[in-house]
């Protein structure tokens, strides 16, 4: 189970970045930040001093227990300053070189320790507004991060390079305090680049292993909103050893998150070396987006990439495997909390105009009998379900895993769209069913569906003929496929087109085009 404090701190970091400070005098900004972080389960220690209009915070240490692992994660941060301006603003000043140490201690033993080195150019963080309604404006010419040191079980370990480079950062975050701390943020980067180039220490041999991944995104942008319970360290969300990790209770207290990323010109390259053989892959996309929302109403996760290209090569492959697609998309909507009322769910998968190289086609179909038009898959499902357990509650999930609790009931399912086309044939369909969970007799232990689905199949007979001619489909199997199509479909006026209506009525009868099958 994901610890609640880590969920909150991750969401807060994504939204607020440097915007966790919430007042307009240096001392009050620091104290509010300290209380805010402590409310998420951290212990905060620091040394405070003043110099003129500046509050200097040094020797800053944040520690968070990880109960699932019986461990503690500690972060040690460099000194920072809070400078009160004459115009009522507060500037948060960080050094250009900003190391952050991290230590994971388990059972009294240091398992992992290291340092993340942040390097900034022209970084500016300015706080303005009123104590209950604050705006943070952040700009930076460059902000880079790299792993500069790592030790595992006390032994220095050189994995290689892990770095993140950001250029042209601008961001505005607004925080409004009340029963919930409401956050709205937008930020943009001209460019984001990353490098992972590692060689496992145990692979120092005559056949070393290596993993290298590089990539970049242009015009990266984030827009989002969030709501965080102010009572995270008291009643409400609770900060005891159990409540601090209870995401279900946190959602009930009003926690919510809704944000999305968008980018252009995405590029990535991967190279893997193992057993003296190398696998390389490269991909790009014209643009893309990723959206995540989480609240008591449920979870939504979705994204898409447009204008995709990818290429895969291997030491043993005779030619590269090249693939292109106009669009790749995925979306999932899922309820999270138990409710007497039915809740919405959904799933969408789309791969539009997938095409590959003529070299691969020639290997599969050397006589070019199959049409080589791009393939498409689209599946769009939605419906309602009654959830009987909180999916983020540890006790509920333990009961579910032990078989003492049923997860829930599907109340309805809709096939909003089905589209599959490849090799000159296509299948499309729509339909909807309601599910009677009180009747488990009609279909031998399964709930009874009532509804229908309409299907249309084009080019199937032509495709079967070509597969037989190519020797990929035996004649007897082709005959069996045609008999099945004749049983479940009707011919249309259009050439090589079949239609079918599969129906289950309220009496439990299964019909195909009006003919009873069951």
Protein backbone atom coordinates (compact mmCIF):
# COMPACT_ATOMS: atom_id res chain seq x y z
CA UNK A 1 0.00 0.00 0.00
CA UNK A 2 1.36 3.45 -0.95
CA UNK A 3 2.11 5.49 2.20
CA UNK A 4 -0.18 8.47 2.45
CA UNK A 5 2.64 10.82 3.37
CA UNK A 6 4.57 9.88 0.25
CA UNK A 7 1.48 10.30 -1.93
CA UNK A 8 0.86 13.75 -0.48
CA UNK A 9 4.44 14.88 -0.70
CA UNK A 10 4.73 13.66 -4.30
CA UNK A 11 1.53 15.42 -5.33
CA UNK A 12 2.59 18.54 -3.45
CA UNK A 13 5.97 18.52 -5.13
CA UNK A 14 4.35 18.16 -8.54
CA UNK A 15 2.03 21.06 -7.86
CA UNK A 16 4.03 23.44 -5.74
CA UNK A 17 7.68 22.73 -6.53
CA UNK A 18 9.14 25.62 -4.54
CA UNK A 19 5.74 26.86 -3.50
CA UNK A 20 5.21 25.31 -0.09
CA UNK A 21 5.80 28.62 1.68
CA UNK A 22 2.66 30.36 2.76
CA UNK A 23 3.13 33.84 4.28
CA UNK A 24 4.68 37.21 3.57
CA UNK A 25 7.26 37.65 6.33
CA UNK A 26 10.37 35.52 6.25
CA UNK A 27 9.84 33.91 9.68
CA UNK A 28 6.16 33.17 9.09
CA UNK A 29 6.84 31.75 5.63
CA UNK A 30 9.40 29.35 7.08
CA UNK A 31 7.23 28.33 10.04
CA UNK A 32 4.23 27.70 7.82
CA UNK A 33 6.32 25.60 5.46
CA UNK A 34 7.68 23.62 8.41
CA UNK A 35 4.18 22.95 9.80
CA UNK A 36 2.90 22.07 6.34
CA UNK A 37 5.59 19.43 5.77
CA UNK A 38 5.23 18.05 9.32
CA UNK A 39 1.54 17.58 8.63
CA UNK A 40 2.47 15.01 5.99
CA UNK A 41 4.34 12.88 8.52
CA UNK A 42 7.82 14.35 8.19
CA UNK A 43 9.98 15.42 11.09
CA UNK A 44 11.76 18.69 10.30
CA UNK A 45 14.97 19.87 11.93
CA UNK A 46 16.97 22.97 11.03
CA UNK A 47 19.19 25.72 12.38
CA UNK A 48 17.78 29.26 12.06
CA UNK A 49 19.70 32.55 12.01
CA UNK A 50 19.06 36.07 10.76
CA UNK A 51 21.10 38.56 8.80
CA UNK A 52 19.44 41.88 8.06
CA UNK A 53 16.15 41.18 6.31
CA UNK A 54 17.04 37.53 5.74
CA UNK A 55 16.13 34.41 7.65
CA UNK A 56 18.75 31.75 6.97
CA UNK A 57 17.74 28.11 7.39
CA UNK A 58 20.66 25.68 7.45
CA UNK A 59 21.31 22.06 8.42
CA UNK A 60 17.82 21.25 7.16
CA UNK A 61 16.81 17.60 7.61
CA UNK A 62 13.50 15.98 6.64
CA UNK A 63 12.77 12.43 7.82
CA UNK A 64 9.80 10.25 6.95
CA UNK A 65 9.09 6.76 8.32
CA UNK A 66 8.19 4.06 5.81
CA UNK A 67 6.09 1.64 7.88
CA UNK A 68 5.59 -0.91 5.10
CA UNK A 69 9.34 -1.33 4.90
CA UNK A 70 10.13 -0.64 8.62
CA UNK A 71 12.54 1.98 7.36
CA UNK A 72 13.17 5.73 7.43
CA UNK A 73 14.03 8.00 4.52
CA UNK A 74 16.01 11.13 5.42
CA UNK A 75 16.73 14.15 3.21
CA UNK A 76 19.51 16.60 4.06
CA UNK A 77 19.32 19.92 2.26
CA UNK A 78 21.67 22.86 1.79
CA UNK A 79 21.07 26.23 3.44
CA UNK A 80 18.38 28.50 2.03
CA UNK A 81 17.33 32.08 2.74
CA UNK A 82 14.00 33.86 3.04
CA UNK A 83 14.37 37.57 2.26
CA UNK A 84 11.59 40.02 3.11
CA UNK A 85 11.28 42.75 0.46
CA UNK A 86 10.22 46.34 0.95
CA UNK A 87 7.18 45.76 -1.26
CA UNK A 88 5.73 43.06 1.00
CA UNK A 89 7.05 40.11 -0.97
CA UNK A 90 9.37 37.33 0.16
CA UNK A 91 12.16 36.00 -2.04
CA UNK A 92 13.27 32.41 -1.49
CA UNK A 93 16.97 32.20 -2.26
CA UNK A 94 18.76 28.96 -3.01
CA UNK A 95 22.44 28.59 -3.88
CA UNK A 96 23.32 27.93 -7.50
CA UNK A 97 24.75 24.55 -6.45
CA UNK A 98 22.21 22.85 -4.18
CA UNK A 99 23.04 19.33 -2.94
CA UNK A 100 20.31 17.15 -1.42
CA UNK A 101 21.49 14.10 0.47
CA UNK A 102 19.26 11.06 0.93
CA UNK A 103 19.60 8.12 3.29
CA UNK A 104 17.48 4.99 3.64
CA UNK A 105 17.87 3.28 7.02
CA UNK A 106 16.23 -0.08 7.68
CA UNK A 107 16.56 -2.05 10.93
CA UNK A 108 19.16 0.40 12.19
CA UNK A 109 21.35 -0.21 9.14
CA UNK A 110 22.01 2.26 6.33
CA UNK A 111 20.94 0.49 3.18
CA UNK A 112 21.30 3.32 0.65
CA UNK A 113 22.87 6.78 0.83
CA UNK A 114 23.56 9.32 -1.87
CA UNK A 115 23.48 12.88 -3.08
CA UNK A 116 21.37 14.57 -5.73
CA UNK A 117 23.14 17.66 -7.04
CA UNK A 118 20.93 20.53 -8.23
CA UNK A 119 22.55 23.27 -10.33
CA UNK A 120 20.55 26.40 -11.10
CA UNK A 121 21.03 29.39 -13.38
CA UNK A 122 19.14 32.64 -12.74
CA UNK A 123 16.64 30.97 -10.40
CA UNK A 124 14.04 33.34 -8.93
CA UNK A 125 11.25 32.41 -6.49
CA UNK A 126 9.03 35.28 -5.34
CA UNK A 127 6.07 35.04 -2.94
CA UNK A 128 3.31 37.67 -3.04
CA UNK A 129 -0.29 38.19 -1.96
CA UNK A 130 -1.88 37.76 1.46
CA UNK A 131 -1.40 35.02 4.08
CA UNK A 132 -4.62 33.27 3.13
CA UNK A 133 -4.15 33.70 -0.63
CA UNK A 134 -0.59 33.49 -1.89
CA UNK A 135 1.01 33.49 -5.34
CA UNK A 136 4.44 32.03 -6.11
CA UNK A 137 6.21 33.05 -9.29
CA UNK A 138 9.22 30.99 -10.34
CA UNK A 139 11.61 31.48 -13.23
CA UNK A 140 14.96 29.91 -14.11
CA UNK A 141 17.19 29.92 -17.14
CA UNK A 142 18.30 26.39 -16.27
CA UNK A 143 17.70 23.81 -13.55
CA UNK A 144 19.70 20.60 -13.71
CA UNK A 145 19.77 17.55 -11.45
CA UNK A 146 22.20 14.62 -11.35
CA UNK A 147 23.10 11.77 -9.05
CA UNK A 148 26.56 12.75 -7.81
CA UNK A 149 27.15 10.07 -5.17
CA UNK A 150 25.70 6.69 -4.25
CA UNK A 151 26.62 4.11 -1.63
CA UNK A 152 24.87 0.77 -1.13
CA UNK A 153 25.31 -0.86 2.27
CA UNK A 154 28.24 1.46 2.91
CA UNK A 155 30.08 0.62 -0.31
CA UNK A 156 30.59 3.48 -2.81
CA UNK A 157 28.86 2.50 -6.04
CA UNK A 158 29.43 4.08 -9.44
CA UNK A 159 26.39 3.22 -11.51
CA UNK A 160 27.14 5.79 -14.17
CA UNK A 161 25.11 8.84 -15.18
CA UNK A 162 21.60 9.74 -14.06
CA UNK A 163 20.68 13.31 -14.92
CA UNK A 164 17.76 15.61 -15.68
CA UNK A 165 18.21 18.94 -17.46
CA UNK A 166 15.56 21.67 -17.65
CA UNK A 167 15.80 24.91 -19.63
CA UNK A 168 13.56 27.98 -19.72
CA UNK A 169 11.43 27.38 -16.60
CA UNK A 170 8.46 29.63 -15.86
CA UNK A 171 5.75 28.85 -13.33
CA UNK A 172 2.95 30.38 -11.29
CA UNK A 173 1.38 28.69 -8.29
CA UNK A 174 -1.56 30.02 -6.30
CA UNK A 175 -2.40 28.63 -2.86
CA UNK A 176 -5.57 29.46 -0.97
CA UNK A 177 -5.97 28.38 2.63
CA UNK A 178 -9.21 27.30 4.25
CA UNK A 179 -10.64 23.99 5.40
CA UNK A 180 -8.61 22.69 2.44
CA UNK A 181 -5.41 24.10 1.06
CA UNK A 182 -6.37 24.70 -2.57
CA UNK A 183 -3.59 24.81 -5.13
CA UNK A 184 -3.63 25.84 -8.77
CA UNK A 185 -0.47 25.72 -10.83
CA UNK A 186 0.84 26.10 -14.32
CA UNK A 187 4.45 25.80 -15.40
CA UNK A 188 6.30 25.53 -18.67
CA UNK A 189 9.73 24.39 -19.81
CA UNK A 190 11.35 25.21 -23.12
CA UNK A 191 13.07 21.85 -22.99
CA UNK A 192 13.45 18.83 -20.71
CA UNK A 193 16.25 16.35 -21.29
CA UNK A 194 17.26 13.19 -19.44
CA UNK A 195 20.12 10.70 -19.46
CA UNK A 196 20.37 7.29 -17.81
CA UNK A 197 23.65 5.58 -18.59
CA UNK A 198 24.43 2.83 -16.10
CA UNK A 199 26.60 -0.24 -15.89
CA UNK A 200 25.73 -2.63 -13.02
CA UNK A 201 28.74 -3.08 -10.72
CA UNK A 202 28.54 -6.88 -10.92
CA UNK A 203 28.92 -6.75 -14.71
CA UNK A 204 32.60 -5.72 -14.63
CA UNK A 205 33.70 -8.68 -16.70
CA UNK A 206 34.79 -9.62 -20.20
CA UNK A 207 31.14 -9.17 -21.29
CA UNK A 208 30.00 -6.02 -19.44
CA UNK A 209 26.33 -5.09 -19.30
CA UNK A 210 25.16 -1.57 -20.01
CA UNK A 211 21.88 0.29 -20.18
CA UNK A 212 21.73 3.72 -21.78
CA UNK A 213 18.63 5.84 -22.31
CA UNK A 214 18.49 9.44 -23.47
CA UNK A 215 15.57 11.63 -24.40
CA UNK A 216 14.09 15.08 -24.61
CA UNK A 217 10.76 16.90 -24.73
CA UNK A 218 10.13 20.39 -26.08
CA UNK A 219 7.55 22.91 -24.88
CA UNK A 220 6.64 20.86 -21.81
CA UNK A 221 3.70 22.33 -19.93
CA UNK A 222 1.77 21.38 -16.81
CA UNK A 223 -1.60 22.72 -15.64
CA UNK A 224 -3.39 21.39 -12.59
CA UNK A 225 -5.32 21.88 -9.41
CA UNK A 226 -5.22 20.17 -6.04
CA UNK A 227 -6.87 20.23 -2.63
CA UNK A 228 -5.04 19.14 0.53
CA UNK A 229 -6.66 18.78 3.97
CA UNK A 230 -5.23 21.40 6.33
CA UNK A 231 -5.92 19.07 9.28
CA UNK A 232 -3.36 16.55 8.06
CA UNK A 233 -1.72 16.55 11.48
CA UNK A 234 -4.87 16.44 13.56
CA UNK A 235 -8.41 15.10 13.38
CA UNK A 236 -9.66 14.85 9.84
CA UNK A 237 -6.83 13.10 8.02
CA UNK A 238 -4.92 12.03 11.11
CA UNK A 239 -1.18 11.79 11.50
CA UNK A 240 -0.78 8.84 13.83
CA UNK A 241 1.14 5.81 12.65
CA UNK A 242 -1.95 4.38 10.97
CA UNK A 243 -3.86 7.44 9.82
CA UNK A 244 -0.79 9.07 8.29
CA UNK A 245 -0.68 6.25 5.77
CA UNK A 246 -4.46 5.93 5.21
CA UNK A 247 -5.09 7.20 1.69
CA UNK A 248 -8.75 6.20 1.93
CA UNK A 249 -9.23 8.49 4.95
CA UNK A 250 -7.32 11.21 3.15
CA UNK A 251 -9.71 11.06 0.18
CA UNK A 252 -12.67 11.23 2.57
CA UNK A 253 -11.12 14.39 4.04
CA UNK A 254 -11.21 16.11 0.66
CA UNK A 255 -7.87 15.34 -0.99
CA UNK A 256 -8.10 15.78 -4.75
CA UNK A 257 -5.67 16.11 -7.63
CA UNK A 258 -6.30 16.91 -11.30
CA UNK A 259 -3.46 17.78 -13.63
CA UNK A 260 -2.08 17.27 -17.08
CA UNK A 261 1.20 17.46 -19.00
CA UNK A 262 1.60 18.28 -22.68
CA UNK A 263 4.68 18.39 -24.89
CA UNK A 264 5.96 18.57 -28.47
CA UNK A 265 8.85 16.88 -30.28
CA UNK A 266 9.38 13.94 -27.95
CA UNK A 267 12.48 11.85 -28.61
CA UNK A 268 14.08 8.89 -26.86
CA UNK A 269 16.82 6.37 -27.55
CA UNK A 270 17.70 3.17 -25.68
CA UNK A 271 20.75 0.95 -26.01
CA UNK A 272 21.15 -2.31 -24.07
CA UNK A 273 24.35 -4.34 -24.13
CA UNK A 274 24.26 -7.87 -22.73
CA UNK A 275 26.26 -11.01 -23.49
CA UNK A 276 28.23 -9.12 -26.17
CA UNK A 277 25.02 -8.35 -28.03
CA UNK A 278 23.44 -4.93 -28.45
CA UNK A 279 19.80 -3.98 -28.76
CA UNK A 280 18.99 -0.43 -29.83
CA UNK A 281 15.67 1.37 -30.03
CA UNK A 282 14.71 4.91 -30.98
CA UNK A 283 11.33 6.60 -30.93
CA UNK A 284 9.80 10.01 -31.50
CA UNK A 285 6.40 11.66 -31.35
CA UNK A 286 5.15 14.93 -32.74
CA UNK A 287 3.21 15.75 -29.57
CA UNK A 288 1.63 14.12 -26.55
CA UNK A 289 -0.23 14.59 -23.30
CA UNK A 290 -0.77 12.84 -19.97
CA UNK A 291 -3.66 13.50 -17.56
CA UNK A 292 -4.11 12.19 -14.02
CA UNK A 293 -6.99 12.92 -11.64
CA UNK A 294 -7.65 11.42 -8.23
CA UNK A 295 -10.35 12.17 -5.66
CA UNK A 296 -13.07 10.43 -3.70
CA UNK A 297 -14.96 10.21 -7.00
CA UNK A 298 -12.28 7.91 -8.40
CA UNK A 299 -9.12 7.72 -10.45
CA UNK A 300 -8.65 8.81 -14.04
CA UNK A 301 -5.46 8.18 -15.99
CA UNK A 302 -5.08 8.87 -19.66
CA UNK A 303 -2.64 9.93 -22.32
CA UNK A 304 -1.93 10.02 -26.00
CA UNK A 305 0.96 10.46 -28.41
CA UNK A 306 0.61 11.71 -31.99
CA UNK A 307 2.89 11.21 -34.96
CA UNK A 308 4.78 8.20 -33.62
CA UNK A 309 7.86 6.62 -35.15
CA UNK A 310 10.00 3.85 -33.68
CA UNK A 311 12.84 1.63 -34.78
CA UNK A 312 14.34 -1.48 -33.18
CA UNK A 313 17.62 -3.15 -34.09
CA UNK A 314 19.53 -6.11 -32.63
CA UNK A 315 22.83 -7.75 -33.37
CA UNK A 316 21.00 -10.84 -34.68
CA UNK A 317 18.31 -9.00 -36.69
CA UNK A 318 18.83 -8.81 -40.46
CA UNK A 319 17.17 -5.38 -40.72
CA UNK A 320 15.62 -2.76 -38.42
CA UNK A 321 12.04 -3.18 -37.28
CA UNK A 322 10.43 0.16 -38.14
CA UNK A 323 6.92 1.12 -37.03
CA UNK A 324 4.88 4.29 -37.40
CA UNK A 325 1.44 5.30 -36.11
CA UNK A 326 -0.70 8.42 -36.31
CA UNK A 327 -1.96 8.03 -32.76
CA UNK A 328 -1.55 5.90 -29.63
CA UNK A 329 -3.92 6.55 -26.73
CA UNK A 330 -5.02 5.01 -23.46
CA UNK A 331 -7.53 6.07 -20.79
CA UNK A 332 -8.74 4.41 -17.61
CA UNK A 333 -11.47 5.56 -15.22
CA UNK A 334 -11.82 3.59 -12.00
CA UNK A 335 -13.79 4.07 -8.74
CA UNK A 336 -11.68 3.87 -5.58
CA UNK A 337 -14.06 3.99 -2.62
CA UNK A 338 -16.94 1.76 -1.56
CA UNK A 339 -20.41 3.14 -2.20
CA UNK A 340 -24.00 1.93 -2.17
CA UNK A 341 -24.54 3.78 -5.43
CA UNK A 342 -23.17 2.58 -8.76
CA UNK A 343 -20.06 4.43 -9.93
CA UNK A 344 -18.64 5.03 -13.40
CA UNK A 345 -15.74 3.13 -14.93
CA UNK A 346 -14.21 3.22 -18.38
CA UNK A 347 -11.41 1.96 -20.60
CA UNK A 348 -10.21 3.29 -23.94
CA UNK A 349 -7.41 1.90 -26.10
CA UNK A 350 -6.55 3.31 -29.51
CA UNK A 351 -3.79 2.64 -32.02
CA UNK A 352 -4.49 4.55 -35.24
CA UNK A 353 -2.91 3.83 -38.63
CA UNK A 354 -0.16 1.49 -37.48
CA UNK A 355 2.27 0.75 -40.30
CA UNK A 356 5.54 -1.12 -40.66
CA UNK A 357 8.31 -1.28 -43.25
CA UNK A 358 8.14 -3.09 -46.59
CA UNK A 359 11.10 -5.22 -45.45
CA UNK A 360 9.00 -6.80 -42.72
CA UNK A 361 5.98 -7.15 -45.01
CA UNK A 362 8.17 -8.91 -47.61
CA UNK A 363 9.30 -11.37 -44.97
CA UNK A 364 5.70 -12.16 -43.93
CA UNK A 365 4.08 -11.86 -47.36
CA UNK A 366 6.72 -12.11 -50.11
CA UNK A 367 4.16 -12.27 -52.95
CA UNK A 368 2.32 -9.16 -51.69
CA UNK A 369 -1.09 -10.81 -51.59
CA UNK A 370 -2.26 -8.98 -48.45
CA UNK A 371 -3.20 -5.29 -48.56
CA UNK A 372 -0.55 -3.29 -46.71
CA UNK A 373 -2.75 -0.43 -45.59
CA UNK A 374 -2.12 0.76 -42.01
CA UNK A 375 -3.93 -1.12 -39.23
CA UNK A 376 -6.17 0.46 -36.60
CA UNK A 377 -7.46 -0.71 -33.23
CA UNK A 378 -9.95 1.24 -31.13
CA UNK A 379 -11.81 -0.05 -28.09
CA UNK A 380 -14.03 2.22 -25.99
CA UNK A 381 -15.78 0.65 -22.98
CA UNK A 382 -17.73 2.31 -20.18
CA UNK A 383 -20.26 1.35 -17.56
CA UNK A 384 -21.24 1.43 -13.92
CA UNK A 385 -20.21 -0.76 -11.00
CA UNK A 386 -20.96 -1.01 -7.30
CA UNK A 387 -17.67 -1.13 -5.40
CA UNK A 388 -17.89 -3.00 -2.10
CA UNK A 389 -14.34 -2.25 -0.85
CA UNK A 390 -12.07 0.76 -0.61
CA UNK A 391 -9.25 -0.09 -3.00
CA UNK A 392 -6.78 2.07 -1.06
CA UNK A 393 -7.70 0.80 2.42
CA UNK A 394 -5.20 -1.81 3.70
CA UNK A 395 -7.75 -3.71 5.83
CA UNK A 396 -10.24 -3.94 2.95
CA UNK A 397 -7.58 -5.15 0.55
CA UNK A 398 -6.37 -7.75 3.06
CA UNK A 399 -9.92 -9.09 3.37
CA UNK A 400 -10.21 -9.15 -0.42
CA UNK A 401 -6.95 -11.07 -0.83
CA UNK A 402 -8.07 -13.56 1.84
CA UNK A 403 -11.29 -14.19 -0.07
CA UNK A 404 -13.43 -12.84 2.78
CA UNK A 405 -14.81 -9.97 0.71
CA UNK A 406 -16.17 -9.60 -2.80
CA UNK A 407 -14.74 -6.61 -4.70
CA UNK A 408 -18.06 -5.48 -6.14
CA UNK A 409 -20.65 -5.86 -8.87
CA UNK A 410 -20.75 -4.79 -12.50
CA UNK A 411 -24.09 -3.05 -13.06
CA UNK A 412 -23.79 -2.14 -16.74
CA UNK A 413 -21.32 -2.23 -19.62
CA UNK A 414 -21.40 -0.30 -22.88
CA UNK A 415 -19.36 -0.96 -25.97
CA UNK A 416 -19.21 2.61 -27.23
CA UNK A 417 -16.92 1.75 -30.10
CA UNK A 418 -15.07 -1.25 -31.49
CA UNK A 419 -12.89 -0.75 -34.54
CA UNK A 420 -10.34 -3.23 -35.82
CA UNK A 421 -8.92 -3.07 -39.33
CA UNK A 422 -5.94 -4.89 -40.79
CA UNK A 423 -4.90 -6.71 -43.97
CA UNK A 424 -7.94 -5.47 -45.88
CA UNK A 425 -10.59 -6.58 -43.36
CA UNK A 426 -12.40 -4.58 -40.70
CA UNK A 427 -14.66 -5.24 -37.73
CA UNK A 428 -16.79 -2.53 -36.10
CA UNK A 429 -19.41 -2.66 -33.40
CA UNK A 430 -21.41 -1.00 -30.64
CA UNK A 431 -23.62 -2.35 -27.89
CA UNK A 432 -24.78 -2.18 -24.31
CA UNK A 433 -25.79 -4.59 -21.53
CA UNK A 434 -27.28 -4.23 -18.08
CA UNK A 435 -26.20 -6.83 -15.55
CA UNK A 436 -28.70 -8.48 -13.18
CA UNK A 437 -26.56 -9.51 -10.20
CA UNK A 438 -29.57 -11.04 -8.41
CA UNK A 439 -29.89 -13.76 -11.07
CA UNK A 440 -26.99 -16.21 -11.02
CA UNK A 441 -29.07 -19.20 -12.09
CA UNK A 442 -29.75 -18.44 -15.75
CA UNK A 443 -26.06 -18.54 -16.68
CA UNK A 444 -24.80 -21.10 -14.14
CA UNK A 445 -23.37 -18.91 -11.39
CA UNK A 446 -22.71 -15.80 -13.47
CA UNK A 447 -24.88 -12.64 -13.29
CA UNK A 448 -27.39 -12.37 -16.13
CA UNK A 449 -26.69 -9.78 -18.86
CA UNK A 450 -29.53 -8.18 -20.81
CA UNK A 451 -28.80 -6.22 -23.97
CA UNK A 452 -27.36 -6.47 -27.45
CA UNK A 453 -24.29 -5.79 -29.55
CA UNK A 454 -24.31 -4.89 -33.25
CA UNK A 455 -21.32 -5.95 -35.36
CA UNK A 456 -20.20 -5.36 -38.94
CA UNK A 457 -17.48 -7.39 -40.67
CA UNK A 458 -16.06 -6.27 -44.03
CA UNK A 459 -13.57 -8.15 -46.19
CA UNK A 460 -13.43 -11.33 -44.11
CA UNK A 461 -14.03 -13.75 -47.00
CA UNK A 462 -11.42 -12.05 -49.16
CA UNK A 463 -8.89 -12.22 -46.31
CA UNK A 464 -9.61 -15.94 -45.78
CA UNK A 465 -9.05 -16.58 -49.50
CA UNK A 466 -5.69 -14.80 -49.40
CA UNK A 467 -4.54 -16.64 -46.26
CA UNK A 468 -5.41 -19.98 -47.89
CA UNK A 469 -3.53 -19.02 -51.07
CA UNK A 470 -0.49 -18.07 -48.96
CA UNK A 471 -0.58 -21.43 -47.19
CA UNK A 472 -1.09 -19.81 -43.80
CA UNK A 473 -4.62 -21.18 -43.30
CA UNK A 474 -5.56 -24.80 -44.12
CA UNK A 475 -8.61 -25.25 -46.30
CA UNK A 476 -10.56 -27.20 -43.65
CA UNK A 477 -10.01 -24.44 -41.08
CA UNK A 478 -11.11 -21.85 -43.63
CA UNK A 479 -14.32 -23.83 -44.20
CA UNK A 480 -14.94 -23.96 -40.44
CA UNK A 481 -14.48 -20.19 -40.18
CA UNK A 482 -16.97 -19.60 -42.99
CA UNK A 483 -19.51 -21.91 -41.34
CA UNK A 484 -19.21 -19.98 -38.08
CA UNK A 485 -19.72 -16.69 -39.91
CA UNK A 486 -22.80 -18.10 -41.62
CA UNK A 487 -24.21 -19.13 -38.23
CA UNK A 488 -23.76 -15.76 -36.54
CA UNK A 489 -23.99 -13.22 -39.38
CA UNK A 490 -26.18 -12.05 -42.25
CA UNK A 491 -24.97 -10.91 -45.68
CA UNK A 492 -25.32 -7.22 -46.48
CA UNK A 493 -26.06 -5.50 -49.78
CA UNK A 494 -22.45 -4.26 -49.87
CA UNK A 495 -19.81 -6.65 -51.29
CA UNK A 496 -18.09 -9.00 -48.79
CA UNK A 497 -19.94 -7.40 -45.88
CA UNK A 498 -21.58 -9.27 -43.00
CA UNK A 499 -23.66 -7.93 -40.11
CA UNK A 500 -24.69 -9.49 -36.83
CA UNK A 501 -26.86 -8.61 -33.85
CA UNK A 502 -26.10 -10.71 -30.79
CA UNK A 503 -28.78 -10.29 -28.14
CA UNK A 504 -29.55 -11.57 -24.65
CA UNK A 505 -33.17 -10.91 -23.62
CA UNK A 506 -34.64 -10.66 -20.13
CA UNK A 507 -35.61 -14.35 -20.29
CA UNK A 508 -31.97 -15.35 -20.69
CA UNK A 509 -32.35 -16.33 -24.34
CA UNK A 510 -29.30 -15.75 -26.56
CA UNK A 511 -30.19 -14.75 -30.11
CA UNK A 512 -28.17 -14.07 -33.25
CA UNK A 513 -30.04 -11.93 -35.75
CA UNK A 514 -33.34 -12.97 -34.16
CA UNK A 515 -32.56 -16.69 -34.22
CA UNK A 516 -32.42 -18.29 -30.81
CA UNK A 517 -29.12 -20.01 -30.01
CA UNK A 518 -29.81 -20.72 -26.34
